[in-house]
Amino acid sequence: MRRVPISLTAALLALLAAAPGHAQRPVHLGIAGGLSMPQGTFATLYETGYHGRAFAELSFPAAPFRVRAGAEYERFESKPIAIYGSSAFSLLGAAAELVYDLASMPLSSAGPYAIVGAGLYRVTNGVESDAPAAIYAPTGDRDLAWHIGLGARIDLGPVGGFLEARYRSVRLGDGATMFPVSVGLRL
């Protein structure tokens, strides 16, 4: 019975060793998710939220940067509003990013990186209660947002993991700022 787990483990290790290095491929797909912490005035109205995203990343041989394009969903629940109930604030959109490797070797299997990007997001803000619809109708406005951040990655054969923290600002009336922290996988 012990031979099956040992041979299965050996086969998986052989596949990982035979797979092309993660850093050698020019195109990667990724998924991520995590917590989003509201900042500034936005934090007085909304609780910590969550987000998820998917992206495609293009790397260039011997260059210290990569280009990403992806889609993201982010949601925040309001702090209790005694008169009207609770509301939700959500973002759904697409962004383009430049990822700059801070490590001395751009195609190394691990290291820190910086992120800068911008995107267009559909903002929905509505109250889930019996309040008059004219007061809290979902908006559906499209607004620009920008973000900067830092990340760290580690590549293990054909799969890589990463951790990122960003500061995002959405251009709204008074503005909405948040600090999303993501954990994800790159294939």
C-alpha atoms as a PDB file:
ATOM      1  CA  MET A   1       0.000   0.000   0.000  1.00  0.00           C
ATOM      2  CA  ARG A   2       2.898   2.412   0.597  1.00  0.00           C
ATOM      3  CA  ARG A   3       4.099   2.062  -2.998  1.00  0.00           C
ATOM      4  CA  VAL A   4       1.052   3.834  -4.488  1.00  0.00           C
ATOM      5  CA  PRO A   5       1.533   7.143  -2.595  1.00  0.00           C
ATOM      6  CA  ILE A   6       5.311   7.062  -3.171  1.00  0.00           C
ATOM      7  CA  SER A   7       4.965   6.399  -6.919  1.00  0.00           C
ATOM      8  CA  LEU A   8       2.226   9.025  -7.224  1.00  0.00           C
ATOM      9  CA  THR A   9       4.456  11.564  -5.466  1.00  0.00           C
ATOM     10  CA  ALA A  10       7.380  10.637  -7.712  1.00  0.00           C
ATOM     11  CA  ALA A  11       5.225  11.066 -10.834  1.00  0.00           C
ATOM     12  CA  LEU A  12       4.030  14.526  -9.717  1.00  0.00           C
ATOM     13  CA  LEU A  13       7.590  15.630  -8.962  1.00  0.00           C
ATOM     14  CA  ALA A  14       8.738  14.388 -12.388  1.00  0.00           C
ATOM     15  CA  LEU A  15       5.960  16.375 -14.094  1.00  0.00           C
ATOM     16  CA  LEU A  16       6.915  19.531 -12.210  1.00  0.00           C
ATOM     17  CA  ALA A  17      10.577  19.082 -13.084  1.00  0.00           C
ATOM     18  CA  ALA A  18       9.836  18.437 -16.771  1.00  0.00           C
ATOM     19  CA  ALA A  19       7.471  21.419 -17.144  1.00  0.00           C
ATOM     20  CA  PRO A  20       8.968  24.563 -18.637  1.00  0.00           C
ATOM     21  CA  GLY A  21       9.970  27.134 -16.066  1.00  0.00           C
ATOM     22  CA  HIS A  22       7.172  29.454 -15.047  1.00  0.00           C
ATOM     23  CA  ALA A  23       9.291  32.534 -15.730  1.00  0.00           C
ATOM     24  CA  GLN A  24      10.153  31.323 -19.281  1.00  0.00           C
ATOM     25  CA  ARG A  25       6.600  31.517 -20.620  1.00  0.00           C
ATOM     26  CA  PRO A  26       5.569  34.899 -22.061  1.00  0.00           C
ATOM     27  CA  VAL A  27       1.850  34.704 -21.184  1.00  0.00           C
ATOM     28  CA  HIS A  28       0.388  33.891 -17.764  1.00  0.00           C
ATOM     29  CA  LEU A  29      -3.189  33.710 -16.515  1.00  0.00           C
ATOM     30  CA  GLY A  30      -4.018  34.549 -12.928  1.00  0.00           C
ATOM     31  CA  ILE A  31      -6.764  34.638 -10.339  1.00  0.00           C
ATOM     32  CA  ALA A  32      -6.771  36.419  -6.986  1.00  0.00           C
ATOM     33  CA  GLY A  33      -9.007  37.433  -4.146  1.00  0.00           C
ATOM     34  CA  GLY A  34      -8.909  38.911  -0.703  1.00  0.00           C
ATOM     35  CA  LEU A  35     -10.014  41.647   1.646  1.00  0.00           C
ATOM     36  CA  SER A  36     -10.566  45.300   0.718  1.00  0.00           C
ATOM     37  CA  MET A  37     -10.226  47.889   3.470  1.00  0.00           C
ATOM     38  CA  PRO A  38     -11.972  51.235   2.912  1.00  0.00           C
ATOM     39  CA  GLN A  39      -9.866  54.347   3.582  1.00  0.00           C
ATOM     40  CA  GLY A  40     -10.562  57.972   4.504  1.00  0.00           C
ATOM     41  CA  THR A  41     -14.148  59.234   4.332  1.00  0.00           C
ATOM     42  CA  PHE A  42     -15.167  56.029   2.553  1.00  0.00           C
ATOM     43  CA  ALA A  43     -14.190  54.114   5.739  1.00  0.00           C
ATOM     44  CA  THR A  44     -16.690  56.095   7.802  1.00  0.00           C
ATOM     45  CA  LEU A  45     -19.528  54.704   5.660  1.00  0.00           C
ATOM     46  CA  TYR A  46     -18.439  51.171   4.710  1.00  0.00           C
ATOM     47  CA  GLU A  47     -17.090  48.048   6.412  1.00  0.00           C
ATOM     48  CA  THR A  48     -14.160  45.953   5.172  1.00  0.00           C
ATOM     49  CA  GLY A  49     -15.180  44.278   1.913  1.00  0.00           C
ATOM     50  CA  TYR A  50     -13.901  41.594  -0.423  1.00  0.00           C
ATOM     51  CA  HIS A  51     -12.735  41.350  -4.014  1.00  0.00           C
ATOM     52  CA  GLY A  52     -11.888  38.863  -6.734  1.00  0.00           C
ATOM     53  CA  ARG A  53     -10.120  39.272 -10.040  1.00  0.00           C
ATOM     54  CA  ALA A  54      -8.818  37.427 -13.083  1.00  0.00           C
ATOM     55  CA  PHE A  55      -6.078  38.617 -15.429  1.00  0.00           C
ATOM     56  CA  ALA A  56      -3.757  37.839 -18.320  1.00  0.00           C
ATOM     57  CA  GLU A  57      -0.122  38.899 -18.015  1.00  0.00           C
ATOM     58  CA  LEU A  58       2.451  39.370 -20.788  1.00  0.00           C
ATOM     59  CA  SER A  59       6.151  39.295 -19.913  1.00  0.00           C
ATOM     60  CA  PHE A  60       9.042  40.277 -22.151  1.00  0.00           C
ATOM     61  CA  PRO A  61      12.403  38.433 -22.301  1.00  0.00           C
ATOM     62  CA  ALA A  62      15.109  40.118 -20.202  1.00  0.00           C
ATOM     63  CA  ALA A  63      12.826  43.097 -19.414  1.00  0.00           C
ATOM     64  CA  PRO A  64      12.130  44.064 -15.797  1.00  0.00           C
ATOM     65  CA  PHE A  65       8.435  44.747 -16.448  1.00  0.00           C
ATOM     66  CA  ARG A  66       5.237  42.898 -17.378  1.00  0.00           C
ATOM     67  CA  VAL A  67       1.879  44.133 -18.688  1.00  0.00           C
ATOM     68  CA  ARG A  68      -1.446  42.937 -17.253  1.00  0.00           C
ATOM     69  CA  ALA A  69      -5.064  43.307 -18.290  1.00  0.00           C
ATOM     70  CA  GLY A  70      -7.906  41.967 -16.214  1.00  0.00           C
ATOM     71  CA  ALA A  71     -11.362  42.171 -14.700  1.00  0.00           C
ATOM     72  CA  GLU A  72     -12.245  42.750 -11.047  1.00  0.00           C
ATOM     73  CA  TYR A  73     -15.238  42.727  -8.714  1.00  0.00           C
ATOM     74  CA  GLU A  74     -15.163  44.465  -5.321  1.00  0.00           C
ATOM     75  CA  ARG A  75     -17.963  44.818  -2.734  1.00  0.00           C
ATOM     76  CA  PHE A  76     -18.437  46.690   0.538  1.00  0.00           C
ATOM     77  CA  GLU A  77     -21.371  46.591   2.969  1.00  0.00           C
ATOM     78  CA  SER A  78     -22.287  49.839   4.673  1.00  0.00           C
ATOM     79  CA  LYS A  79     -22.085  50.459   8.353  1.00  0.00           C
ATOM     80  CA  PRO A  80     -25.636  50.279   9.785  1.00  0.00           C
ATOM     81  CA  ILE A  81     -27.849  53.215   8.844  1.00  0.00           C
ATOM     82  CA  ALA A  82     -30.591  53.367  11.472  1.00  0.00           C
ATOM     83  CA  ILE A  83     -33.156  55.135   9.287  1.00  0.00           C
ATOM     84  CA  TYR A  84     -32.877  53.261   5.990  1.00  0.00           C
ATOM     85  CA  GLY A  85     -31.203  49.893   6.655  1.00  0.00           C
ATOM     86  CA  SER A  86     -27.987  48.769   4.979  1.00  0.00           C
ATOM     87  CA  SER A  87     -26.440  49.566   1.647  1.00  0.00           C
ATOM     88  CA  ALA A  88     -23.867  47.926  -0.583  1.00  0.00           C
ATOM     89  CA  PHE A  89     -21.186  49.562  -2.699  1.00  0.00           C
ATOM     90  CA  SER A  90     -19.672  47.503  -5.499  1.00  0.00           C
ATOM     91  CA  LEU A  91     -17.230  47.943  -8.355  1.00  0.00           C
ATOM     92  CA  LEU A  92     -17.091  45.844 -11.515  1.00  0.00           C
ATOM     93  CA  GLY A  93     -14.564  46.758 -14.132  1.00  0.00           C
ATOM     94  CA  ALA A  94     -11.439  46.262 -16.163  1.00  0.00           C
ATOM     95  CA  ALA A  95      -7.938  47.596 -15.603  1.00  0.00           C
ATOM     96  CA  ALA A  96      -4.547  47.660 -17.306  1.00  0.00           C
ATOM     97  CA  GLU A  97      -1.372  47.492 -15.211  1.00  0.00           C
ATOM     98  CA  LEU A  98       2.364  47.787 -15.504  1.00  0.00           C
ATOM     99  CA  VAL A  99       4.205  45.407 -13.156  1.00  0.00           C
ATOM    100  CA  TYR A 100       7.864  46.283 -12.496  1.00  0.00           C
ATOM    101  CA  ASP A 101      10.174  43.637 -10.974  1.00  0.00           C
ATOM    102  CA  LEU A 102      12.239  45.044  -8.106  1.00  0.00           C
ATOM    103  CA  ALA A 103      14.533  41.999  -7.933  1.00  0.00           C
ATOM    104  CA  SER A 104      17.938  42.156  -9.604  1.00  0.00           C
ATOM    105  CA  MET A 105      17.048  39.317 -12.007  1.00  0.00           C
ATOM    106  CA  PRO A 106      13.733  40.014 -13.832  1.00  0.00           C
ATOM    107  CA  LEU A 107      13.015  36.384 -14.755  1.00  0.00           C
ATOM    108  CA  SER A 108      13.932  34.896 -11.382  1.00  0.00           C
ATOM    109  CA  SER A 109      11.478  32.504  -9.756  1.00  0.00           C
ATOM    110  CA  ALA A 110      10.696  34.779  -6.785  1.00  0.00           C
ATOM    111  CA  GLY A 111      10.855  38.399  -5.821  1.00  0.00           C
ATOM    112  CA  PRO A 112       9.128  41.680  -5.047  1.00  0.00           C
ATOM    113  CA  TYR A 113       7.472  43.937  -7.620  1.00  0.00           C
ATOM    114  CA  ALA A 114       5.673  47.277  -7.927  1.00  0.00           C
ATOM    115  CA  ILE A 115       2.310  47.808  -9.646  1.00  0.00           C
ATOM    116  CA  VAL A 116       0.745  50.872 -11.243  1.00  0.00           C
ATOM    117  CA  GLY A 117      -2.493  50.823 -13.199  1.00  0.00           C
ATOM    118  CA  ALA A 118      -5.789  52.395 -14.163  1.00  0.00           C
ATOM    119  CA  GLY A 119      -9.200  51.159 -15.192  1.00  0.00           C
ATOM    120  CA  LEU A 120     -12.833  51.858 -15.837  1.00  0.00           C
ATOM    121  CA  TYR A 121     -15.308  50.586 -13.246  1.00  0.00           C
ATOM    122  CA  ARG A 122     -19.083  50.379 -13.028  1.00  0.00           C
ATOM    123  CA  VAL A 123     -20.050  51.652  -9.599  1.00  0.00           C
ATOM    124  CA  THR A 124     -23.248  50.404  -7.957  1.00  0.00           C
ATOM    125  CA  ASN A 125     -24.432  51.953  -4.708  1.00  0.00           C
ATOM    126  CA  GLY A 126     -27.838  51.060  -3.337  1.00  0.00           C
ATOM    127  CA  VAL A 127     -29.717  50.478  -0.124  1.00  0.00           C
ATOM    128  CA  GLU A 128     -31.361  47.124   0.518  1.00  0.00           C
ATOM    129  CA  SER A 129     -34.408  48.233   2.519  1.00  0.00           C
ATOM    130  CA  ASP A 130     -37.848  49.815   2.246  1.00  0.00           C
ATOM    131  CA  ALA A 131     -36.404  53.295   1.580  1.00  0.00           C
ATOM    132  CA  PRO A 132     -37.929  55.207  -1.340  1.00  0.00           C
ATOM    133  CA  ALA A 133     -36.372  54.021  -4.610  1.00  0.00           C
ATOM    134  CA  ALA A 134     -35.665  57.605  -5.722  1.00  0.00           C
ATOM    135  CA  ILE A 135     -33.305  58.080  -2.766  1.00  0.00           C
ATOM    136  CA  TYR A 136     -31.260  54.874  -3.003  1.00  0.00           C
ATOM    137  CA  ALA A 137     -31.621  53.603  -6.545  1.00  0.00           C
ATOM    138  CA  PRO A 138     -28.496  51.756  -7.743  1.00  0.00           C
ATOM    139  CA  THR A 139     -26.348  54.143  -9.763  1.00  0.00           C
ATOM    140  CA  GLY A 140     -24.512  52.153 -12.423  1.00  0.00           C
ATOM    141  CA  ASP A 141     -22.173  55.064 -13.155  1.00  0.00           C
ATOM    142  CA  ARG A 142     -18.870  54.345 -14.865  1.00  0.00           C
ATOM    143  CA  ASP A 143     -15.859  55.963 -13.250  1.00  0.00           C
ATOM    144  CA  LEU A 144     -12.107  55.963 -13.696  1.00  0.00           C
ATOM    145  CA  ALA A 145      -9.863  54.533 -10.998  1.00  0.00           C
ATOM    146  CA  TRP A 146      -6.107  54.317 -10.508  1.00  0.00           C
ATOM    147  CA  HIS A 147      -4.009  52.185  -8.206  1.00  0.00           C
ATOM    148  CA  ILE A 148      -0.443  51.658  -7.019  1.00  0.00           C
ATOM    149  CA  GLY A 149       0.945  48.825  -4.940  1.00  0.00           C
ATOM    150  CA  LEU A 150       3.564  46.261  -4.064  1.00  0.00           C
ATOM    151  CA  GLY A 151       3.620  42.499  -4.429  1.00  0.00           C
ATOM    152  CA  ALA A 152       5.765  39.421  -3.976  1.00  0.00           C
ATOM    153  CA  ARG A 153       5.705  36.280  -6.094  1.00  0.00           C
ATOM    154  CA  ILE A 154       7.123  32.789  -5.976  1.00  0.00           C
ATOM    155  CA  ASP A 155       7.064  30.409  -8.947  1.00  0.00           C
ATOM    156  CA  LEU A 156       6.937  26.656  -8.341  1.00  0.00           C
ATOM    157  CA  GLY A 157       7.224  24.858 -11.666  1.00  0.00           C
ATOM    158  CA  PRO A 158       4.189  25.580 -13.840  1.00  0.00           C
ATOM    159  CA  VAL A 159       2.260  27.357 -11.051  1.00  0.00           C
ATOM    160  CA  GLY A 160       3.140  30.506  -9.161  1.00  0.00           C
ATOM    161  CA  GLY A 161       1.687  32.223  -6.138  1.00  0.00           C
ATOM    162  CA  PHE A 162       1.645  35.885  -5.172  1.00  0.00           C
ATOM    163  CA  LEU A 163       0.606  38.371  -2.504  1.00  0.00           C
ATOM    164  CA  GLU A 164      -0.281  41.978  -3.425  1.00  0.00           C
ATOM    165  CA  ALA A 165      -1.346  45.117  -1.563  1.00  0.00           C
ATOM    166  CA  ARG A 166      -2.669  48.181  -3.425  1.00  0.00           C
ATOM    167  CA  TYR A 167      -4.012  51.637  -2.810  1.00  0.00           C
ATOM    168  CA  ARG A 168      -6.975  52.348  -5.140  1.00  0.00           C
ATOM    169  CA  SER A 169      -8.804  55.617  -5.703  1.00  0.00           C
ATOM    170  CA  VAL A 170     -12.102  55.727  -7.603  1.00  0.00           C
ATOM    171  CA  ARG A 171     -13.070  59.095  -9.029  1.00  0.00           C
ATOM    172  CA  LEU A 172     -16.528  59.703  -7.623  1.00  0.00           C
ATOM    173  CA  GLY A 173     -18.216  62.792  -6.150  1.00  0.00           C
ATOM    174  CA  ASP A 174     -16.194  62.852  -2.909  1.00  0.00           C
ATOM    175  CA  GLY A 175     -13.948  59.990  -4.021  1.00  0.00           C
ATOM    176  CA  ALA A 176     -13.700  56.454  -2.724  1.00  0.00           C
ATOM    177  CA  THR A 177     -10.369  55.038  -1.639  1.00  0.00           C
ATOM    178  CA  MET A 178      -9.595  51.489  -0.605  1.00  0.00           C
ATOM    179  CA  PHE A 179      -6.705  49.185   0.233  1.00  0.00           C
ATOM    180  CA  PRO A 180      -7.233  45.716  -1.324  1.00  0.00           C
ATOM    181  CA  VAL A 181      -4.894  42.886  -0.244  1.00  0.00           C
ATOM    182  CA  SER A 182      -4.855  39.866  -2.588  1.00  0.00           C
ATOM    183  CA  VAL A 183      -3.569  36.303  -2.551  1.00  0.00           C
ATOM    184  CA  GLY A 184      -3.521  34.547  -5.898  1.00  0.00           C
ATOM    185  CA  LEU A 185      -2.211  32.005  -8.387  1.00  0.00           C
ATOM    186  CA  ARG A 186      -0.514  32.468 -11.772  1.00  0.00           C
ATOM    187  CA  LEU A 187      -0.542  29.709 -14.359  1.00  0.00           C
END
